[in-house]
C-alpha atoms as a PDB file:
ATOM      1  CA  MET A   1     -17.760  -1.650 -16.812  1.00  0.00           C
ATOM      2  CA  SER A   2     -20.452  -1.597 -14.159  1.00  0.00           C
ATOM      3  CA  GLN A   3     -21.756   1.639 -12.677  1.00  0.00           C
ATOM      4  CA  GLU A   4     -23.606  -0.381 -10.015  1.00  0.00           C
ATOM      5  CA  CYS A   5     -21.080  -1.448  -7.416  1.00  0.00           C
ATOM      6  CA  GLN A   6     -21.775  -1.818  -3.707  1.00  0.00           C
ATOM      7  CA  ILE A   7     -18.579  -1.901  -1.664  1.00  0.00           C
ATOM      8  CA  SER A   8     -18.238  -2.981   1.935  1.00  0.00           C
ATOM      9  CA  VAL A   9     -14.823  -2.551   3.572  1.00  0.00           C
ATOM     10  CA  ARG A  10     -13.961  -3.152   7.221  1.00  0.00           C
ATOM     11  CA  PHE A  11     -10.533  -2.203   8.528  1.00  0.00           C
ATOM     12  CA  HIS A  12      -9.004  -4.064  11.461  1.00  0.00           C
ATOM     13  CA  ALA A  13      -6.024  -2.635  13.312  1.00  0.00           C
ATOM     14  CA  PRO A  14      -3.422  -5.345  13.943  1.00  0.00           C
ATOM     15  CA  PRO A  15      -3.000  -6.212  17.625  1.00  0.00           C
ATOM     16  CA  GLU A  16      -0.410  -4.234  19.522  1.00  0.00           C
ATOM     17  CA  ASP A  17       2.311  -6.883  19.232  1.00  0.00           C
ATOM     18  CA  LEU A  18       2.022  -6.918  15.420  1.00  0.00           C
ATOM     19  CA  ARG A  19       1.252  -3.267  14.730  1.00  0.00           C
ATOM     20  CA  ARG A  20       4.826  -2.315  13.827  1.00  0.00           C
ATOM     21  CA  PHE A  21       4.712  -4.734  10.871  1.00  0.00           C
ATOM     22  CA  PHE A  22       1.441  -3.791   9.162  1.00  0.00           C
ATOM     23  CA  THR A  23      -0.716  -0.921   8.015  1.00  0.00           C
ATOM     24  CA  THR A  24      -4.102  -2.639   8.404  1.00  0.00           C
ATOM     25  CA  PHE A  25      -5.913  -5.894   7.821  1.00  0.00           C
ATOM     26  CA  TYR A  26      -9.117  -5.276   5.891  1.00  0.00           C
ATOM     27  CA  LEU A  27     -12.003  -7.338   4.580  1.00  0.00           C
ATOM     28  CA  THR A  28     -13.665  -6.139   1.388  1.00  0.00           C
ATOM     29  CA  GLU A  29     -16.791  -7.330  -0.391  1.00  0.00           C
ATOM     30  CA  PHE A  30     -17.789  -6.200  -3.898  1.00  0.00           C
ATOM     31  CA  ASP A  31     -21.385  -6.609  -5.010  1.00  0.00           C
ATOM     32  CA  VAL A  32     -21.343  -6.172  -8.797  1.00  0.00           C
ATOM     33  CA  PRO A  33     -23.989  -7.393 -11.305  1.00  0.00           C
ATOM     34  CA  VAL A  34     -23.262 -10.857 -12.715  1.00  0.00           C
ATOM     35  CA  GLY A  35     -20.854 -10.739 -15.635  1.00  0.00           C
ATOM     36  CA  GLU A  36     -19.796  -7.133 -14.998  1.00  0.00           C
ATOM     37  CA  THR A  37     -16.709  -5.580 -13.427  1.00  0.00           C
ATOM     38  CA  VAL A  38     -15.708  -2.367 -11.678  1.00  0.00           C
ATOM     39  CA  GLU A  39     -12.405  -0.679 -12.537  1.00  0.00           C
ATOM     40  CA  ASP A  40     -10.141   1.669 -10.578  1.00  0.00           C
ATOM     41  CA  SER A  41      -6.473   2.151  -9.685  1.00  0.00           C
ATOM     42  CA  LEU A  42      -4.387   2.033  -6.527  1.00  0.00           C
ATOM     43  CA  HIS A  43      -1.982   4.773  -5.516  1.00  0.00           C
ATOM     44  CA  PRO A  44       1.721   4.030  -5.038  1.00  0.00           C
ATOM     45  CA  GLU A  45       2.017   2.233  -1.711  1.00  0.00           C
ATOM     46  CA  TRP A  46       3.928  -0.291   0.383  1.00  0.00           C
ATOM     47  CA  ALA A  47       3.835  -4.003  -0.412  1.00  0.00           C
ATOM     48  CA  GLY A  48       0.599  -5.882   0.098  1.00  0.00           C
ATOM     49  CA  LEU A  49      -1.284  -9.176  -0.119  1.00  0.00           C
ATOM     50  CA  ARG A  50      -4.868  -9.631  -1.303  1.00  0.00           C
ATOM     51  CA  LEU A  51      -6.336 -13.084  -0.747  1.00  0.00           C
ATOM     52  CA  PHE A  52      -9.594 -13.687  -2.607  1.00  0.00           C
ATOM     53  CA  ASP A  53     -12.401 -15.935  -1.470  1.00  0.00           C
ATOM     54  CA  GLY A  54     -13.999 -15.919  -4.906  1.00  0.00           C
ATOM     55  CA  GLN A  55     -13.179 -14.271  -8.210  1.00  0.00           C
ATOM     56  CA  GLY A  56      -9.800 -12.549  -8.321  1.00  0.00           C
ATOM     57  CA  PRO A  57      -8.986  -9.277 -10.077  1.00  0.00           C
ATOM     58  CA  VAL A  58      -7.144  -8.501 -13.256  1.00  0.00           C
ATOM     59  CA  SER A  59      -4.339  -6.120 -12.239  1.00  0.00           C
ATOM     60  CA  TRP A  60      -1.624  -4.283 -14.117  1.00  0.00           C
ATOM     61  CA  ILE A  61       0.782  -1.362 -14.134  1.00  0.00           C
ATOM     62  CA  ASP A  62       0.784   0.579 -17.402  1.00  0.00           C
ATOM     63  CA  GLY A  63       3.304  -0.989 -19.761  1.00  0.00           C
ATOM     64  CA  GLN A  64       3.142  -4.383 -18.031  1.00  0.00           C
ATOM     65  CA  PRO A  65       0.934  -7.356 -18.976  1.00  0.00           C
ATOM     66  CA  PRO A  66      -2.297  -7.786 -16.977  1.00  0.00           C
ATOM     67  CA  LEU A  67      -2.393 -10.554 -14.378  1.00  0.00           C
ATOM     68  CA  ALA A  68      -5.368 -12.530 -13.074  1.00  0.00           C
ATOM     69  CA  THR A  69      -5.006 -14.410  -9.775  1.00  0.00           C
ATOM     70  CA  THR A  70      -6.855 -15.138  -6.547  1.00  0.00           C
ATOM     71  CA  PHE A  71      -3.674 -14.487  -4.512  1.00  0.00           C
ATOM     72  CA  SER A  72      -2.688 -11.033  -5.713  1.00  0.00           C
ATOM     73  CA  VAL A  73       0.562  -9.562  -4.394  1.00  0.00           C
ATOM     74  CA  THR A  74       2.279  -6.260  -5.009  1.00  0.00           C
ATOM     75  CA  GLY A  75       5.731  -5.134  -4.066  1.00  0.00           C
ATOM     76  CA  PRO A  76       6.366  -1.547  -2.997  1.00  0.00           C
ATOM     77  CA  THR A  77       5.135   0.670  -5.822  1.00  0.00           C
ATOM     78  CA  SER A  78       6.014   4.068  -7.233  1.00  0.00           C
ATOM     79  CA  ARG A  79       3.374   3.803  -9.947  1.00  0.00           C
ATOM     80  CA  ALA A  80      -0.390   3.353  -9.994  1.00  0.00           C
ATOM     81  CA  VAL A  81      -1.715  -0.215 -10.068  1.00  0.00           C
ATOM     82  CA  ASN A  82      -4.829  -0.562 -12.224  1.00  0.00           C
ATOM     83  CA  PHE A  83      -7.395  -3.280 -11.617  1.00  0.00           C
ATOM     84  CA  LYS A  84     -10.823  -4.516 -12.611  1.00  0.00           C
ATOM     85  CA  VAL A  85     -12.833  -6.995 -10.585  1.00  0.00           C
ATOM     86  CA  GLY A  86     -16.302  -8.477 -10.399  1.00  0.00           C
ATOM     87  CA  ALA A  87     -18.359  -9.626  -7.422  1.00  0.00           C
ATOM     88  CA  THR A  88     -15.952 -11.047  -4.851  1.00  0.00           C
ATOM     89  CA  ARG A  89     -14.707 -11.078  -1.269  1.00  0.00           C
ATOM     90  CA  PHE A  90     -11.112 -10.717  -0.115  1.00  0.00           C
ATOM     91  CA  TRP A  91      -8.732  -9.928   2.727  1.00  0.00           C
ATOM     92  CA  GLY A  92      -6.060  -7.284   2.240  1.00  0.00           C
ATOM     93  CA  ILE A  93      -2.873  -7.109   4.284  1.00  0.00           C
ATOM     94  CA  GLY A  94      -0.595  -4.068   4.037  1.00  0.00           C
ATOM     95  CA  LEU A  95       3.048  -4.650   4.903  1.00  0.00           C
ATOM     96  CA  LEU A  96       5.004  -1.794   6.417  1.00  0.00           C
ATOM     97  CA  PRO A  97       8.728  -1.777   5.538  1.00  0.00           C
ATOM     98  CA  LEU A  98       9.547  -3.548   8.808  1.00  0.00           C
ATOM     99  CA  GLY A  99       6.896  -6.140   7.925  1.00  0.00           C
ATOM    100  CA  TRP A 100       8.592  -6.778   4.611  1.00  0.00           C
ATOM    101  CA  ALA A 101      11.963  -7.208   6.318  1.00  0.00           C
ATOM    102  CA  GLN A 102      10.452  -9.545   8.931  1.00  0.00           C
ATOM    103  CA  PHE A 103       8.233 -11.786   6.793  1.00  0.00           C
ATOM    104  CA  ALA A 104       9.116 -11.594   3.081  1.00  0.00           C
ATOM    105  CA  ALA A 105      11.980 -13.393   1.350  1.00  0.00           C
ATOM    106  CA  GLY A 106      14.630 -11.217  -0.268  1.00  0.00           C
ATOM    107  CA  PRO A 107      15.162  -7.478  -0.693  1.00  0.00           C
ATOM    108  CA  ALA A 108      12.150  -5.301  -1.439  1.00  0.00           C
ATOM    109  CA  ILE A 109      13.876  -3.639  -4.379  1.00  0.00           C
ATOM    110  CA  GLU A 110      13.628  -6.923  -6.295  1.00  0.00           C
ATOM    111  CA  CYS A 111       9.826  -6.608  -6.114  1.00  0.00           C
ATOM    112  CA  ALA A 112       9.555  -2.863  -6.727  1.00  0.00           C
ATOM    113  CA  ASN A 113       6.574  -2.115  -8.991  1.00  0.00           C
ATOM    114  CA  LEU A 114       5.696  -5.798  -9.129  1.00  0.00           C
ATOM    115  CA  VAL A 115       2.140  -7.024  -9.630  1.00  0.00           C
ATOM    116  CA  GLY A 116       2.347 -10.764  -9.135  1.00  0.00           C
ATOM    117  CA  ASP A 117       0.772 -14.092  -8.306  1.00  0.00           C
ATOM    118  CA  GLY A 118       1.513 -14.973  -4.702  1.00  0.00           C
ATOM    119  CA  LEU A 119       1.617 -18.632  -5.675  1.00  0.00           C
ATOM    120  CA  THR A 120       4.680 -18.149  -7.868  1.00  0.00           C
ATOM    121  CA  VAL A 121       6.658 -15.068  -6.741  1.00  0.00           C
ATOM    122  CA  PRO A 122       9.585 -16.330  -4.595  1.00  0.00           C
ATOM    123  CA  ALA A 123       9.634 -13.297  -2.283  1.00  0.00           C
ATOM    124  CA  PHE A 124       6.067 -14.117  -1.207  1.00  0.00           C
ATOM    125  CA  ALA A 125       6.647 -17.840  -0.662  1.00  0.00           C
ATOM    126  CA  PRO A 126       6.639 -17.405   3.159  1.00  0.00           C
ATOM    127  CA  PHE A 127       2.954 -16.368   2.912  1.00  0.00           C
ATOM    128  CA  LEU A 128       1.783 -19.499   1.106  1.00  0.00           C
ATOM    129  CA  PRO A 129       0.690 -21.279   4.318  1.00  0.00           C
ATOM    130  CA  LEU A 130      -1.607 -18.326   5.061  1.00  0.00           C
ATOM    131  CA  TRP A 131      -3.181 -18.587   1.616  1.00  0.00           C
ATOM    132  CA  ASP A 132      -3.622 -22.349   2.019  1.00  0.00           C
ATOM    133  CA  GLY A 133      -5.298 -22.057   5.432  1.00  0.00           C
ATOM    134  CA  LEU A 134      -7.244 -18.803   5.434  1.00  0.00           C
ATOM    135  CA  PHE A 135     -10.573 -19.852   3.913  1.00  0.00           C
ATOM    136  CA  ASP A 136     -12.489 -23.009   4.833  1.00  0.00           C
ATOM    137  CA  GLY A 137     -15.483 -22.828   2.508  1.00  0.00           C
ATOM    138  CA  ARG A 138     -17.658 -20.535   4.606  1.00  0.00           C
ATOM    139  CA  ALA A 139     -17.370 -16.800   5.139  1.00  0.00           C
ATOM    140  CA  ASP A 140     -16.430 -16.183   8.775  1.00  0.00           C
ATOM    141  CA  GLU A 141     -14.778 -12.806   9.307  1.00  0.00           C
ATOM    142  CA  SER A 142     -13.808 -13.353  12.952  1.00  0.00           C
ATOM    143  CA  ALA A 143     -12.299 -16.782  12.346  1.00  0.00           C
ATOM    144  CA  GLU A 144     -10.377 -15.571   9.297  1.00  0.00           C
ATOM    145  CA  LEU A 145      -8.989 -12.592  11.180  1.00  0.00           C
ATOM    146  CA  GLU A 146      -7.879 -14.903  13.996  1.00  0.00           C
ATOM    147  CA  ARG A 147      -6.051 -17.092  11.471  1.00  0.00           C
ATOM    148  CA  ILE A 148      -4.252 -14.066  10.018  1.00  0.00           C
ATOM    149  CA  ILE A 149      -3.156 -12.897  13.465  1.00  0.00           C
ATOM    150  CA  ALA A 150      -2.040 -16.378  14.529  1.00  0.00           C
ATOM    151  CA  PHE A 151      -0.071 -16.844  11.311  1.00  0.00           C
ATOM    152  CA  PHE A 152       1.976 -13.707  11.795  1.00  0.00           C
ATOM    153  CA  ARG A 153       2.383 -14.076  15.552  1.00  0.00           C
ATOM    154  CA  ALA A 154       4.056 -17.404  14.967  1.00  0.00           C
ATOM    155  CA  ARG A 155       6.616 -15.687  12.711  1.00  0.00           C
ATOM    156  CA  ALA A 156       7.105 -12.325  14.450  1.00  0.00           C
ATOM    157  CA  THR A 157      10.184 -13.364  16.443  1.00  0.00           C
ATOM    158  CA  PRO A 158      13.103 -13.117  16.544  1.00  0.00           C
ATOM    159  CA  PRO A 159      13.223  -9.535  15.241  1.00  0.00           C
ATOM    160  CA  CYS A 160      14.812  -9.032  11.854  1.00  0.00           C
ATOM    161  CA  ARG A 161      18.269  -7.531  11.498  1.00  0.00           C
ATOM    162  CA  ASP A 162      18.440  -3.707  11.565  1.00  0.00           C
ATOM    163  CA  SER A 163      14.838  -3.386  12.761  1.00  0.00           C
ATOM    164  CA  GLU A 164      15.535  -0.210  14.775  1.00  0.00           C
ATOM    165  CA  ARG A 165      17.200   1.508  11.815  1.00  0.00           C
ATOM    166  CA  ILE A 166      14.353   0.518   9.482  1.00  0.00           C
ATOM    167  CA  VAL A 167      11.859   2.068  11.901  1.00  0.00           C
ATOM    168  CA  ALA A 168      14.001   5.223  12.170  1.00  0.00           C
ATOM    169  CA  ILE A 169      14.073   5.619   8.369  1.00  0.00           C
ATOM    170  CA  HIS A 170      10.326   5.094   8.197  1.00  0.00           C
ATOM    171  CA  ALA A 171       9.683   7.667  10.924  1.00  0.00           C
ATOM    172  CA  ALA A 172      11.767  10.216   9.047  1.00  0.00           C
ATOM    173  CA  LEU A 173      10.023   9.503   5.739  1.00  0.00           C
ATOM    174  CA  VAL A 174       6.545  10.214   7.095  1.00  0.00           C
ATOM    175  CA  ASP A 175       7.636  13.480   8.700  1.00  0.00           C
ATOM    176  CA  PRO A 176       6.635  16.315   6.305  1.00  0.00           C
ATOM    177  CA  GLY A 177       9.601  18.295   7.624  1.00  0.00           C
ATOM    178  CA  VAL A 178      12.020  15.805   6.055  1.00  0.00           C
ATOM    179  CA  TRP A 179      12.225  16.443   2.331  1.00  0.00           C
ATOM    180  CA  THR A 180      15.897  15.981   1.402  1.00  0.00           C
ATOM    181  CA  VAL A 181      18.113  12.915   1.534  1.00  0.00           C
ATOM    182  CA  ALA A 182      20.623  14.829   3.648  1.00  0.00           C
ATOM    183  CA  GLU A 183      17.983  15.560   6.292  1.00  0.00           C
ATOM    184  CA  LEU A 184      16.771  11.954   6.179  1.00  0.00           C
ATOM    185  CA  VAL A 185      20.301  10.686   6.791  1.00  0.00           C
ATOM    186  CA  ARG A 186      20.794  13.187   9.612  1.00  0.00           C
ATOM    187  CA  ARG A 187      17.567  12.111  11.314  1.00  0.00           C
ATOM    188  CA  VAL A 188      18.460   8.424  11.143  1.00  0.00           C
ATOM    189  CA  GLY A 189      21.954   9.018  12.466  1.00  0.00           C
ATOM    190  CA  VAL A 190      23.881   6.593  10.256  1.00  0.00           C
ATOM    191  CA  GLY A 191      25.845   6.950   7.018  1.00  0.00           C
ATOM    192  CA  GLN A 192      24.130   7.577   3.691  1.00  0.00           C
ATOM    193  CA  ARG A 193      25.285   4.233   2.271  1.00  0.00           C
ATOM    194  CA  THR A 194      23.659   2.426   5.195  1.00  0.00           C
ATOM    195  CA  VAL A 195      20.413   4.313   4.647  1.00  0.00           C
ATOM    196  CA  GLU A 196      20.500   3.499   0.922  1.00  0.00           C
ATOM    197  CA  ARG A 197      21.166  -0.186   1.635  1.00  0.00           C
ATOM    198  CA  LEU A 198      18.306  -0.446   4.109  1.00  0.00           C
ATOM    199  CA  CYS A 199      15.938   1.413   1.788  1.00  0.00           C
ATOM    200  CA  GLN A 200      16.640  -1.094  -0.967  1.00  0.00           C
ATOM    201  CA  ARG A 201      16.197  -4.012   1.414  1.00  0.00           C
ATOM    202  CA  ALA A 202      13.001  -2.979   3.255  1.00  0.00           C
ATOM    203  CA  PHE A 203      11.454  -0.049   1.356  1.00  0.00           C
ATOM    204  CA  GLY A 204      11.989  -0.993  -2.284  1.00  0.00           C
ATOM    205  CA  PHE A 205      13.373   2.302  -3.606  1.00  0.00           C
ATOM    206  CA  ALA A 206      16.235   4.746  -3.190  1.00  0.00           C
ATOM    207  CA  PRO A 207      15.742   7.426  -0.507  1.00  0.00           C
ATOM    208  CA  LYS A 208      15.199  10.210  -3.064  1.00  0.00           C
ATOM    209  CA  VAL A 209      12.366   8.299  -4.763  1.00  0.00           C
ATOM    210  CA  LEU A 210      10.748   7.526  -1.407  1.00  0.00           C
ATOM    211  CA  LEU A 211      10.793  11.192  -0.386  1.00  0.00           C
ATOM    212  CA  ARG A 212       9.282  12.229  -3.723  1.00  0.00           C
ATOM    213  CA  ARG A 213       6.598   9.569  -3.339  1.00  0.00           C
ATOM    214  CA  GLN A 214       5.709  10.859   0.124  1.00  0.00           C
ATOM    215  CA  ARG A 215       5.377  14.379  -1.239  1.00  0.00           C
ATOM    216  CA  ILE A 216       3.052  13.381  -4.088  1.00  0.00           C
ATOM    217  CA  MET A 217       0.965  11.142  -1.810  1.00  0.00           C
ATOM    218  CA  ARG A 218       0.452  13.929   0.734  1.00  0.00           C
ATOM    219  CA  SER A 219      -0.871  16.065  -2.112  1.00  0.00           C
ATOM    220  CA  ILE A 220      -3.152  13.363  -3.545  1.00  0.00           C
ATOM    221  CA  ALA A 221      -4.589  12.451  -0.141  1.00  0.00           C
ATOM    222  CA  GLN A 222      -5.413  16.096   0.539  1.00  0.00           C
ATOM    223  CA  PHE A 223      -7.172  16.464  -2.792  1.00  0.00           C
ATOM    224  CA  MET A 224      -9.100  13.181  -2.671  1.00  0.00           C
ATOM    225  CA  LEU A 225     -10.520  13.854   0.777  1.00  0.00           C
ATOM    226  CA  ASP A 226     -11.354  17.494   0.059  1.00  0.00           C
ATOM    227  CA  PRO A 227     -11.774  18.207  -3.691  1.00  0.00           C
ATOM    228  CA  SER A 228     -12.996  21.701  -2.834  1.00  0.00           C
ATOM    229  CA  LEU A 229      -9.325  22.578  -2.318  1.00  0.00           C
ATOM    230  CA  LYS A 230      -8.675  21.940  -6.022  1.00  0.00           C
ATOM    231  CA  TRP A 231      -5.140  20.885  -6.868  1.00  0.00           C
ATOM    232  CA  ILE A 232      -3.653  24.299  -6.187  1.00  0.00           C
ATOM    233  CA  GLY A 233      -4.786  24.063  -2.564  1.00  0.00           C
ATOM    234  CA  ALA A 234      -3.674  20.468  -2.088  1.00  0.00           C
ATOM    235  CA  ILE A 235      -0.116  20.667  -3.458  1.00  0.00           C
ATOM    236  CA  ASP A 236       2.504  19.882  -0.830  1.00  0.00           C
ATOM    237  CA  SER A 237       4.398  22.956   0.350  1.00  0.00           C
ATOM    238  CA  HIS A 238       7.783  21.487  -0.630  1.00  0.00           C
ATOM    239  CA  TYR A 239       7.061  21.696  -4.351  1.00  0.00           C
ATOM    240  CA  HIS A 240       8.916  24.590  -5.942  1.00  0.00           C
ATOM    241  CA  ASP A 241       6.071  25.329  -8.337  1.00  0.00           C
ATOM    242  CA  GLN A 242       3.031  23.792 -10.002  1.00  0.00           C
ATOM    243  CA  ALA A 243       5.052  22.570 -12.988  1.00  0.00           C
ATOM    244  CA  GLN A 244       7.238  20.415 -10.724  1.00  0.00           C
ATOM    245  CA  PHE A 245       4.129  18.948  -9.117  1.00  0.00           C
ATOM    246  CA  VAL A 246       2.619  18.093 -12.528  1.00  0.00           C
ATOM    247  CA  ARG A 247       5.843  16.379 -13.632  1.00  0.00           C
ATOM    248  CA  ASP A 248       5.959  14.276 -10.458  1.00  0.00           C
ATOM    249  CA  PHE A 249       2.263  13.476 -10.704  1.00  0.00           C
ATOM    250  CA  HIS A 250       2.627  12.174 -14.240  1.00  0.00           C
ATOM    251  CA  GLU A 251       5.640  10.067 -13.289  1.00  0.00           C
ATOM    252  CA  PHE A 252       3.944   8.439 -10.295  1.00  0.00           C
ATOM    253  CA  MET A 253       0.347   8.247 -11.527  1.00  0.00           C
ATOM    254  CA  GLY A 254       0.767   7.966 -15.308  1.00  0.00           C
ATOM    255  CA  CYS A 255      -1.536  10.896 -16.102  1.00  0.00           C
ATOM    256  CA  THR A 256      -1.951  14.595 -15.404  1.00  0.00           C
ATOM    257  CA  PRO A 257      -3.695  15.860 -12.260  1.00  0.00           C
ATOM    258  CA  ARG A 258      -6.587  17.108 -14.389  1.00  0.00           C
ATOM    259  CA  GLU A 259      -7.002  13.732 -16.103  1.00  0.00           C
ATOM    260  CA  TYR A 260      -6.898  11.972 -12.753  1.00  0.00           C
ATOM    261  CA  ALA A 261      -9.522  14.259 -11.223  1.00  0.00           C
ATOM    262  CA  ALA A 262     -11.854  13.638 -14.175  1.00  0.00           C
ATOM    263  CA  ARG A 263     -11.809   9.854 -13.760  1.00  0.00           C
ATOM    264  CA  PRO A 264     -14.289   8.032 -11.531  1.00  0.00           C
ATOM    265  CA  HIS A 265     -12.780   6.365  -8.462  1.00  0.00           C
ATOM    266  CA  PRO A 266     -15.624   4.186  -7.158  1.00  0.00           C
ATOM    267  CA  VAL A 267     -13.397   1.854  -5.147  1.00  0.00           C
ATOM    268  CA  LEU A 268     -10.562   4.126  -4.117  1.00  0.00           C
ATOM    269  CA  LEU A 269     -12.728   6.880  -2.663  1.00  0.00           C
ATOM    270  CA  THR A 270     -14.649   4.396  -0.525  1.00  0.00           C
ATOM    271  CA  PHE A 271     -11.394   2.938   0.775  1.00  0.00           C
ATOM    272  CA  MET A 272      -9.760   6.286   1.457  1.00  0.00           C
ATOM    273  CA  ARG A 273     -12.688   7.786   3.319  1.00  0.00           C
ATOM    274  CA  GLU A 274     -13.198   4.726   5.502  1.00  0.00           C
ATOM    275  CA  ARG A 275      -9.473   4.346   6.076  1.00  0.00           C
ATOM    276  CA  ALA A 276      -9.142   7.986   7.130  1.00  0.00           C
ATOM    277  CA  ARG A 277     -12.065   7.538   9.529  1.00  0.00           C
ATOM    278  CA  ILE A 278     -10.799   4.321  11.108  1.00  0.00           C
ATOM    279  CA  ALA A 279      -7.004   4.440  10.792  1.00  0.00           C
ATOM    280  CA  GLY A 280      -6.332   8.175  10.726  1.00  0.00           C
ATOM    281  CA  ALA A 281      -4.568   8.257   7.346  1.00  0.00           C
ATOM    282  CA  ALA A 282      -6.291   7.982   3.983  1.00  0.00           C
ATOM    283  CA  VAL A 283      -3.366   6.170   2.332  1.00  0.00           C
ATOM    284  CA  GLN A 284      -0.962   3.650   3.795  1.00  0.00           C
ATOM    285  CA  THR A 285       2.210   5.522   2.786  1.00  0.00           C
ATOM    286  CA  LEU A 286       1.274   8.156   5.378  1.00  0.00           C
ATOM    287  CA  ASP A 287       1.043   5.630   8.228  1.00  0.00           C
ATOM    288  CA  ARG A 288       3.669   5.961  10.952  1.00  0.00           C
ATOM    289  CA  PRO A 289       6.035   3.049  11.726  1.00  0.00           C
ATOM    290  CA  GLU A 290       3.679   1.691  14.402  1.00  0.00           C
ATOM    291  CA  GLY A 291       1.077   1.130  11.703  1.00  0.00           C
ATOM    292  CA  VAL A 292      -1.477   3.845  12.410  1.00  0.00           C
ATOM    293  CA  GLY A 293      -2.158   7.191  10.804  1.00  0.00           C
ATOM    294  CA  PRO A 294      -0.647  10.590  11.584  1.00  0.00           C
ATOM    295  CA  ARG A 295      -1.233  12.337  14.881  1.00  0.00           C
END
């Protein structure tokens, strides 16, 4: 694994008319010595597309077989996604829950914790024309971004069914004051079965799992951006004790907090710091429904 990796990442906020569907569009370039790779892992997050103009990554969730593709897709995740990649260039597109409901095919729960090839996963079939038309043999960031925007604008209407309720659930999830299913249901103002159905369709997990994921991601984001806090200072206030936090951390990240802190994160740290600077939130699960970070 290479210790010499230069990473360039540029985040682009979607235009106002598309912002409710996406976290960000971002262009990334890895400069790694020939024949070598850099390895890291992604936090649990919403669904996403990564379209590679060059060598694709090898990606996997622990316990699943590794996958190599130049059109890498992930469903909503509650586990870390590991990857290794060499020198390459790619566009990333983060789908908010409303974006999944608007553009993807089928319920999100069918792609929960999926690492897949966008050329073969049925739920991502609507994105194939974007993959086919994004690159034209020369690197042109502005032209590629225009193609991404045009692709989604052409498919952004009519609005998907239950769009207002999906946004209401999302708004409640990212509110640190909402930490029980009962409070989530109360905030949304519909029955619990309706909330559960919409969570499976657009969010990929049951409400309880989503709330636990928000809690662990608030803690991880705090720690990664300010390690001087140590874990004890970064743990979300809704954890009953440190033991509960450690159990959740191991379930979502596949290791203990101490093991995670000891690992290098050459890619993830670069992404998180730049994302926090540009978008306002270090991780996409903390983005509000309109696709930008917390106030």
